Amino acid sequence: MNQPTEPKADKSGVRRHNLSLVLRTVHEAGETTRAAVAARVGLTRPAVSSLVEQLLDLGFLVESGKTFSGQAGRPGTVLKPADTGSAGLGVEINVDYVTVCVVDLTGTDRVRHTERLDNRAAAPDVLTRAARIAAQALDAAAELRLAPAGAGLALPGLVSGGAVRQAPNLGWNEVDAERLFGDALAALRPGTAGLPLTSDNEANMAALAELRFGTHGDLRTFLHLTGEIGVGGAIVVHGELLRGAHGFAGEIGHLVVDADGPRCRCGSRGCLEQYAGQAALVGAAGATGVPDLVRRAEAADPRALAALGDAGRMLGRALSGAVNLLDPEAVVLGGIYPRLMPWLAPALADELADRVVSGLWTPDAGRLRPASAATDASRGAAALVLHDVLADPLAYAPATDD
């Protein structure tokens, strides 16, 4: 009996794949040469040169005009990703702000708008406001000769299938976020009708930003916590998000750390965010906001120090269980936590040292780290769009007149 054979890719499919391979290689290097790309990807120099010429013609790559000599042979002209053309639009909607950014193929933020807003309102109103901010950002991006290849939405709560299934801190349930945002943006900028949209939990997006743009070296397996009004979590394993069976993995803010604790908006009691979320921390410290909390802590205010110590202990209690279960390389703290780490970290690290069975999480082990600068959820949402462009540049090539 003849065994079935795998269908072979045709020439156009192979070329499409190789275009992506070359573009991703240049993107990862930042600056490189044709010869270096050929050596990296295992294609002949003439083949790589042909692929590069097509990517140059389509506007995905540019030649810098300088030469680079890092190997034997003639110096080569330096290639790098274009800072015009295709870009990722990232939109983060959180309880008390909306942030929009436009990121080019080099991974650089070219436009960034943040508005402080109380988003505990009807979902259509909030998403319309976010679309207005996004439209303003796209207007600014157009002046820089950047066009969105797609938009990524970073949303609080349980997100799947383009919808927010539940967002306790916003009071949202079963909100068709992608459709509402897309319709509102198209009404403001008709040219964006049909723009590809993707969405995910904001903590997942922040972890993606850390993975793509972070400064923690080759960190590939880590827990990422985002401290905002609530506490969001994401799990990265070998460079990929661990999403769970339904896409809801990482909800560490709703791990119960005290069964007799205060009622949470999710309906449970004693959730982590009731002790370590922004609202809980600020309230326990008697502060007016995070900047005031930092000032009080710097002045050694006893109430502020007690609130931060309690939050650190509760974070350590929750994280120790997650570390024992998942064995990450590190825990990365984002959102408000990097500013508060001088006072959160001691109690947190002590809890990890006491409770993690491997013995690898001593306070001086360097496994508890602040998030890198400029790795918020809006950047992660834009990175998700750019990932798609790098994976199939021909799908995002500018239209040509026949």
Protein backbone atom coordinates (compact mmCIF):
# COMPACT_ATOMS: atom_id res chain seq x y z
CA MET A 1 0.00 0.00 0.00
CA ASN A 2 1.40 3.37 -0.99
CA GLN A 3 2.05 5.75 1.86
CA PRO A 4 0.51 9.23 1.51
CA THR A 5 3.06 11.91 0.79
CA GLU A 6 3.14 15.45 2.04
CA PRO A 7 2.23 18.00 -0.61
CA LYS A 8 5.27 19.88 -1.83
CA ALA A 9 5.36 23.63 -1.66
CA ASP A 10 5.37 25.29 -5.06
CA LYS A 11 8.03 27.80 -6.05
CA SER A 12 5.93 30.80 -5.03
CA GLY A 13 5.33 29.24 -1.59
CA VAL A 14 9.02 28.60 -1.12
CA ARG A 15 9.89 32.15 -2.10
CA ARG A 16 7.24 33.52 0.23
CA HIS A 17 8.77 31.53 3.08
CA ASN A 18 12.28 32.70 2.21
CA LEU A 19 11.22 36.33 2.06
CA SER A 20 9.98 35.98 5.62
CA LEU A 21 13.17 34.21 6.64
CA VAL A 22 15.35 37.00 5.28
CA LEU A 23 13.20 39.79 6.71
CA ARG A 24 13.13 38.18 10.16
CA THR A 25 16.89 37.70 10.07
CA VAL A 26 17.52 41.37 9.29
CA HIS A 27 14.94 42.40 11.91
CA GLU A 28 16.65 40.34 14.61
CA ALA A 29 20.09 41.62 13.68
CA GLY A 30 19.05 45.28 13.43
CA GLU A 31 21.82 45.89 10.90
CA THR A 32 23.51 43.27 8.75
CA THR A 33 24.69 42.47 5.22
CA ARG A 34 23.57 40.17 2.45
CA ALA A 35 26.57 37.91 3.07
CA ALA A 36 25.80 37.65 6.78
CA VAL A 37 22.15 36.85 6.05
CA ALA A 38 23.18 34.12 3.59
CA ALA A 39 25.50 32.58 6.17
CA ARG A 40 22.77 32.72 8.82
CA VAL A 41 19.88 31.24 6.82
CA GLY A 42 21.82 28.75 4.71
CA LEU A 43 20.83 30.13 1.29
CA THR A 44 23.21 31.06 -1.51
CA ARG A 45 24.31 34.67 -1.80
CA PRO A 46 22.61 35.14 -5.19
CA ALA A 47 19.35 33.77 -3.75
CA VAL A 48 19.56 36.09 -0.74
CA SER A 49 20.43 39.05 -2.96
CA SER A 50 17.30 38.41 -5.06
CA LEU A 51 15.12 38.19 -1.95
CA VAL A 52 16.67 41.34 -0.50
CA GLU A 53 16.05 43.27 -3.72
CA GLN A 54 12.37 42.33 -3.58
CA LEU A 55 12.12 43.37 0.07
CA LEU A 56 13.84 46.65 -0.79
CA ASP A 57 11.40 47.26 -3.65
CA LEU A 58 8.42 46.53 -1.38
CA GLY A 59 9.69 48.93 1.28
CA PHE A 60 10.36 46.44 4.08
CA LEU A 61 14.14 46.91 4.04
CA VAL A 62 16.44 49.84 3.38
CA GLU A 63 20.14 50.16 2.64
CA SER A 64 21.89 52.51 5.00
CA GLY A 65 24.57 53.69 2.58
CA LYS A 66 27.39 52.58 4.88
CA THR A 67 29.41 49.41 4.58
CA PHE A 68 30.16 46.74 7.11
CA SER A 69 33.13 44.40 7.12
CA GLY A 70 32.87 41.66 9.71
CA GLN A 71 34.18 38.77 7.66
CA ALA A 72 36.43 37.85 4.77
CA GLY A 73 35.70 39.40 1.39
CA ARG A 74 34.53 42.80 0.25
CA PRO A 75 32.64 44.97 2.76
CA GLY A 76 28.89 44.76 2.18
CA THR A 77 26.26 47.47 2.16
CA VAL A 78 24.35 47.48 5.43
CA LEU A 79 20.72 46.40 5.41
CA LYS A 80 18.21 47.26 8.08
CA PRO A 81 14.42 47.24 8.52
CA ALA A 82 12.58 50.23 7.09
CA ASP A 83 11.32 52.89 9.48
CA THR A 84 8.54 53.84 7.08
CA GLY A 85 5.73 51.78 5.57
CA SER A 86 4.17 48.94 7.55
CA ALA A 87 3.75 49.52 11.27
CA GLY A 88 1.91 48.00 14.21
CA LEU A 89 -0.85 49.89 16.02
CA GLY A 90 -1.07 48.92 19.70
CA VAL A 91 -3.99 49.98 21.90
CA GLU A 92 -4.10 49.32 25.64
CA ILE A 93 -7.35 49.91 27.50
CA ASN A 94 -7.04 49.78 31.26
CA VAL A 95 -9.24 50.88 34.13
CA ASP A 96 -7.87 54.41 34.37
CA TYR A 97 -6.12 55.12 31.06
CA VAL A 98 -5.85 54.38 27.36
CA THR A 99 -2.44 54.18 25.68
CA VAL A 100 -1.94 53.98 21.92
CA CYS A 101 1.39 53.50 20.17
CA VAL A 102 2.59 53.04 16.60
CA VAL A 103 5.72 50.89 16.28
CA ASP A 104 7.73 50.60 13.06
CA LEU A 105 9.55 47.52 11.73
CA THR A 106 12.71 48.46 13.61
CA GLY A 107 10.74 48.02 16.85
CA THR A 108 10.81 51.74 17.61
CA ASP A 109 7.90 53.64 19.10
CA ARG A 110 7.22 56.42 16.61
CA VAL A 111 3.97 57.74 18.06
CA ARG A 112 2.61 57.38 21.59
CA HIS A 113 -0.53 58.90 23.08
CA THR A 114 -1.82 58.30 26.61
CA GLU A 115 -5.01 59.71 28.09
CA ARG A 116 -6.00 59.31 31.73
CA LEU A 117 -9.63 58.25 31.69
CA ASP A 118 -12.03 56.48 34.02
CA ASN A 119 -13.03 53.55 31.84
CA ARG A 120 -15.53 52.07 34.27
CA ALA A 121 -18.29 52.93 31.86
CA ALA A 122 -20.33 51.38 29.07
CA ALA A 123 -18.05 49.41 26.81
CA PRO A 124 -19.14 51.07 23.53
CA ASP A 125 -18.30 54.51 24.95
CA VAL A 126 -14.87 53.39 26.16
CA LEU A 127 -13.99 51.66 22.89
CA THR A 128 -15.14 54.70 20.91
CA ARG A 129 -12.85 56.90 23.03
CA ALA A 130 -9.98 54.48 22.43
CA ALA A 131 -10.69 54.60 18.68
CA ARG A 132 -10.56 58.41 18.77
CA ILE A 133 -7.11 58.31 20.41
CA ALA A 134 -5.99 55.67 17.92
CA ALA A 135 -7.20 57.80 15.00
CA GLN A 136 -5.15 60.74 16.29
CA ALA A 137 -2.09 58.50 16.57
CA LEU A 138 -2.58 57.24 13.03
CA ASP A 139 -2.84 60.80 11.74
CA ALA A 140 0.54 61.53 13.33
CA ALA A 141 1.95 58.27 11.97
CA ALA A 142 0.84 59.13 8.43
CA GLU A 143 2.98 62.28 8.59
CA LEU A 144 5.93 59.96 9.29
CA ARG A 145 4.97 57.84 6.24
CA LEU A 146 3.82 54.94 8.41
CA ALA A 147 0.68 52.93 7.72
CA PRO A 148 -0.89 50.38 10.07
CA ALA A 149 -0.64 46.76 8.99
CA GLY A 150 -3.10 45.89 11.73
CA ALA A 151 -4.12 46.78 15.27
CA GLY A 152 -3.66 44.89 18.51
CA LEU A 153 -5.98 45.48 21.48
CA ALA A 154 -4.68 44.88 25.01
CA LEU A 155 -7.71 44.48 27.26
CA PRO A 156 -8.18 43.75 30.97
CA GLY A 157 -9.93 40.60 32.08
CA LEU A 158 -10.69 37.34 30.29
CA VAL A 159 -10.29 37.80 26.53
CA SER A 160 -10.96 35.28 23.77
CA GLY A 161 -12.36 35.29 20.26
CA GLY A 162 -12.11 39.07 19.97
CA ALA A 163 -14.35 39.59 23.01
CA VAL A 164 -13.92 40.48 26.67
CA ARG A 165 -15.69 37.64 28.41
CA GLN A 166 -15.35 39.17 31.84
CA ALA A 167 -13.52 42.23 33.17
CA PRO A 168 -14.48 42.63 36.85
CA ASN A 169 -12.66 45.93 37.36
CA LEU A 170 -14.49 47.49 34.39
CA GLY A 171 -17.81 45.79 34.99
CA TRP A 172 -17.77 44.33 31.46
CA ASN A 173 -19.24 41.00 30.44
CA GLU A 174 -19.37 39.49 26.93
CA VAL A 175 -18.20 42.66 25.17
CA ASP A 176 -17.47 42.29 21.44
CA ALA A 177 -14.41 44.51 21.75
CA GLU A 178 -12.76 44.00 18.36
CA ARG A 179 -15.96 44.70 16.44
CA LEU A 180 -16.87 47.77 18.51
CA PHE A 181 -13.36 49.23 18.25
CA GLY A 182 -13.03 48.42 14.55
CA ASP A 183 -16.38 50.01 13.69
CA ALA A 184 -15.57 53.14 15.69
CA LEU A 185 -12.11 53.50 14.12
CA ALA A 186 -13.48 52.99 10.60
CA ALA A 187 -16.08 55.70 11.22
CA LEU A 188 -13.31 58.14 12.17
CA ARG A 189 -10.82 57.01 9.51
CA PRO A 190 -12.63 55.24 6.65
CA GLY A 191 -9.33 53.97 5.26
CA THR A 192 -9.02 51.62 8.23
CA ALA A 193 -12.17 49.66 7.41
CA GLY A 194 -11.18 46.01 7.25
CA LEU A 195 -7.93 46.62 9.16
CA PRO A 196 -6.82 43.28 10.69
CA LEU A 197 -7.51 43.27 14.42
CA THR A 198 -6.26 41.01 17.17
CA SER A 199 -6.82 41.14 20.93
CA ASP A 200 -5.56 39.58 24.11
CA ASN A 201 -5.39 40.11 27.85
CA GLU A 202 -3.27 43.14 28.71
CA ALA A 203 -0.94 41.11 30.94
CA ASN A 204 -0.23 38.74 28.05
CA MET A 205 0.53 41.72 25.83
CA ALA A 206 2.91 43.18 28.43
CA ALA A 207 4.72 39.84 28.60
CA LEU A 208 5.01 39.82 24.81
CA ALA A 209 6.55 43.30 24.96
CA GLU A 210 9.10 42.02 27.48
CA LEU A 211 9.84 39.04 25.26
CA ARG A 212 10.25 41.09 22.06
CA PHE A 213 11.76 44.35 23.37
CA GLY A 214 13.04 43.57 26.87
CA THR A 215 16.58 43.97 28.14
CA HIS A 216 16.83 40.81 30.26
CA GLY A 217 19.06 39.00 27.78
CA ASP A 218 17.88 35.64 26.56
CA LEU A 219 15.12 35.23 29.15
CA ARG A 220 12.63 32.82 27.57
CA THR A 221 10.70 31.19 30.43
CA PHE A 222 9.29 33.58 33.01
CA LEU A 223 6.27 34.75 34.94
CA HIS A 224 5.22 38.32 34.23
CA LEU A 225 3.09 40.28 36.70
CA THR A 226 1.50 43.60 35.84
CA GLY A 227 0.41 45.77 38.74
CA GLU A 228 -2.39 48.15 37.82
CA ILE A 229 -5.78 48.68 39.51
CA GLY A 230 -5.81 44.89 39.59
CA VAL A 231 -2.99 42.39 39.17
CA GLY A 232 -2.50 40.67 35.82
CA GLY A 233 -0.28 37.72 35.12
CA ALA A 234 1.20 35.97 32.10
CA ILE A 235 3.26 32.82 31.68
CA VAL A 236 5.96 32.56 29.00
CA VAL A 237 7.48 29.13 28.35
CA HIS A 238 10.37 28.76 25.89
CA GLY A 239 9.42 32.03 24.20
CA GLU A 240 5.71 31.27 23.83
CA LEU A 241 2.72 32.40 25.87
CA LEU A 242 1.07 29.62 27.84
CA ARG A 243 -2.60 30.37 27.27
CA GLY A 244 -4.38 27.35 28.71
CA ALA A 245 -7.28 25.39 27.24
CA HIS A 246 -9.53 28.46 26.84
CA GLY A 247 -6.98 31.28 26.66
CA PHE A 248 -7.44 32.35 30.28
CA ALA A 249 -4.15 31.20 31.88
CA GLY A 250 -2.24 33.64 34.07
CA GLU A 251 -5.04 35.13 36.20
CA ILE A 252 -2.76 35.33 39.22
CA GLY A 253 -4.55 38.41 40.55
CA HIS A 254 -7.45 36.16 41.47
CA LEU A 255 -5.44 33.53 43.31
CA VAL A 256 -6.79 33.42 46.86
CA VAL A 257 -4.12 34.33 49.40
CA ASP A 258 -6.51 34.69 52.36
CA ALA A 259 -9.78 32.76 52.28
CA ASP A 260 -11.25 35.10 54.91
CA GLY A 261 -10.06 38.25 53.15
CA PRO A 262 -12.10 41.08 51.61
CA ARG A 263 -14.62 40.46 48.87
CA CYS A 264 -13.18 40.82 45.36
CA ARG A 265 -15.03 42.15 42.32
CA CYS A 266 -14.71 38.69 40.78
CA GLY A 267 -17.02 37.36 43.50
CA SER A 268 -14.39 35.50 45.52
CA ARG A 269 -12.68 36.55 48.75
CA GLY A 270 -9.07 37.32 49.57
CA CYS A 271 -7.76 37.53 46.01
CA LEU A 272 -4.19 38.75 45.56
CA GLU A 273 -5.30 42.01 43.94
CA GLN A 274 -7.16 42.92 47.14
CA TYR A 275 -3.74 43.28 48.77
CA ALA A 276 -1.29 44.04 45.95
CA GLY A 277 -3.37 45.85 43.33
CA GLN A 278 -2.93 49.59 42.91
CA ALA A 279 -6.26 50.50 44.51
CA ALA A 280 -5.62 48.25 47.51
CA LEU A 281 -2.05 49.46 48.01
CA VAL A 282 -2.90 53.15 47.76
CA GLY A 283 -5.86 52.76 50.08
CA ALA A 284 -3.94 50.77 52.70
CA ALA A 285 -1.16 53.37 52.68
CA GLY A 286 -3.56 56.31 52.93
CA ALA A 287 -2.01 57.76 49.78
CA THR A 288 -3.67 59.70 46.97
CA GLY A 289 -1.98 57.73 44.19
CA VAL A 290 1.19 55.87 43.29
CA PRO A 291 3.44 58.99 43.17
CA ASP A 292 2.22 59.92 46.66
CA LEU A 293 2.79 56.34 47.83
CA VAL A 294 6.39 56.50 46.57
CA ARG A 295 6.94 59.84 48.36
CA ARG A 296 5.57 58.42 51.60
CA ALA A 297 7.72 55.32 51.31
CA GLU A 298 10.83 57.40 50.63
CA ALA A 299 10.01 59.39 53.78
CA ALA A 300 9.69 56.11 55.74
CA ASP A 301 6.03 56.72 56.53
CA PRO A 302 5.05 53.75 58.76
CA ARG A 303 1.63 53.24 57.18
CA ALA A 304 3.05 53.22 53.65
CA LEU A 305 5.86 50.84 54.58
CA ALA A 306 3.40 48.50 56.30
CA ALA A 307 1.11 48.46 53.24
CA LEU A 308 4.03 47.73 50.91
CA GLY A 309 5.40 45.03 53.20
CA ASP A 310 2.00 43.33 53.40
CA ALA A 311 1.62 43.50 49.63
CA GLY A 312 5.09 42.02 49.15
CA ARG A 313 4.27 39.13 51.45
CA MET A 314 1.00 38.40 49.63
CA LEU A 315 2.76 38.60 46.27
CA GLY A 316 5.37 36.16 47.54
CA ARG A 317 2.69 33.81 48.82
CA ALA A 318 0.96 33.71 45.43
CA LEU A 319 4.14 33.63 43.37
CA SER A 320 5.75 30.84 45.38
CA GLY A 321 2.93 28.50 44.38
CA ALA A 322 3.28 29.51 40.75
CA VAL A 323 7.07 29.10 40.86
CA ASN A 324 6.77 25.64 42.42
CA LEU A 325 4.28 24.65 39.73
CA LEU A 326 5.96 26.16 36.66
CA ASP A 327 9.70 26.43 37.47
CA PRO A 328 10.39 29.71 35.60
CA GLU A 329 13.80 31.29 35.15
CA ALA A 330 12.59 34.55 36.65
CA VAL A 331 9.63 36.61 37.80
CA VAL A 332 9.31 39.97 36.03
CA LEU A 333 7.30 42.71 37.74
CA GLY A 334 5.72 45.38 35.53
CA GLY A 335 3.11 48.11 35.72
CA ILE A 336 3.43 50.06 38.98
CA TYR A 337 5.71 47.48 40.60
CA PRO A 338 9.14 48.60 39.29
CA ARG A 339 8.68 51.95 41.09
CA LEU A 340 7.74 50.13 44.29
CA MET A 341 10.32 47.32 44.24
CA PRO A 342 12.65 48.86 46.85
CA TRP A 343 9.88 48.32 49.41
CA LEU A 344 8.00 45.35 47.92
CA ALA A 345 10.98 43.18 47.09
CA PRO A 346 12.39 42.35 50.56
CA ALA A 347 9.24 40.69 51.90
CA LEU A 348 8.46 39.18 48.49
CA ALA A 349 11.93 37.67 48.15
CA ASP A 350 11.81 36.29 51.70
CA GLU A 351 8.51 34.54 50.97
CA LEU A 352 9.93 33.01 47.78
CA ALA A 353 13.04 31.84 49.62
CA ASP A 354 10.94 30.23 52.37
CA ARG A 355 8.30 28.62 50.16
CA VAL A 356 9.96 27.57 46.87
CA VAL A 357 11.12 23.99 47.28
CA SER A 358 13.96 24.06 44.71
CA GLY A 359 16.12 26.32 46.87
CA LEU A 360 16.97 28.42 43.81
CA TRP A 361 15.02 31.50 44.87
CA THR A 362 17.20 33.00 47.55
CA PRO A 363 16.93 36.81 47.91
CA ASP A 364 20.30 37.31 46.18
CA ALA A 365 19.59 34.95 43.26
CA GLY A 366 18.57 37.74 40.86
CA ARG A 367 15.42 35.94 39.74
CA LEU A 368 13.07 38.73 40.81
CA ARG A 369 13.38 41.50 38.21
CA PRO A 370 11.67 44.78 37.27
CA ALA A 371 10.17 44.93 33.79
CA SER A 372 12.33 46.56 31.14
CA ALA A 373 11.61 50.15 30.23
CA ALA A 374 9.10 50.70 27.40
CA THR A 375 7.59 47.23 27.58
CA ASP A 376 3.97 48.05 28.35
CA ALA A 377 0.95 46.22 26.95
CA SER A 378 0.44 48.65 24.06
CA ARG A 379 3.94 47.80 22.80
CA GLY A 380 3.13 44.10 23.09
CA ALA A 381 -0.06 44.62 21.10
CA ALA A 382 1.89 46.37 18.35
CA ALA A 383 4.51 43.61 18.43
CA LEU A 384 1.80 41.04 17.74
CA VAL A 385 0.96 42.91 14.52
CA LEU A 386 4.61 43.17 13.50
CA HIS A 387 5.04 39.45 14.10
CA ASP A 388 2.42 38.80 11.42
CA VAL A 389 4.15 41.17 8.99
CA LEU A 390 7.50 39.46 9.53
CA ALA A 391 5.89 36.04 9.09
CA ASP A 392 4.42 36.88 5.67
CA PRO A 393 5.58 40.22 4.26
CA LEU A 394 3.86 39.67 0.90
CA ALA A 395 0.48 39.67 2.67
CA TYR A 396 1.22 43.24 3.79
CA ALA A 397 2.95 44.49 0.65
CA PRO A 398 1.69 47.85 -0.64
CA ALA A 399 -0.78 47.66 -3.48
CA THR A 400 0.69 48.31 -6.90
CA ASP A 401 -0.95 49.75 -9.99
CA ASP A 402 -1.17 47.17 -12.80
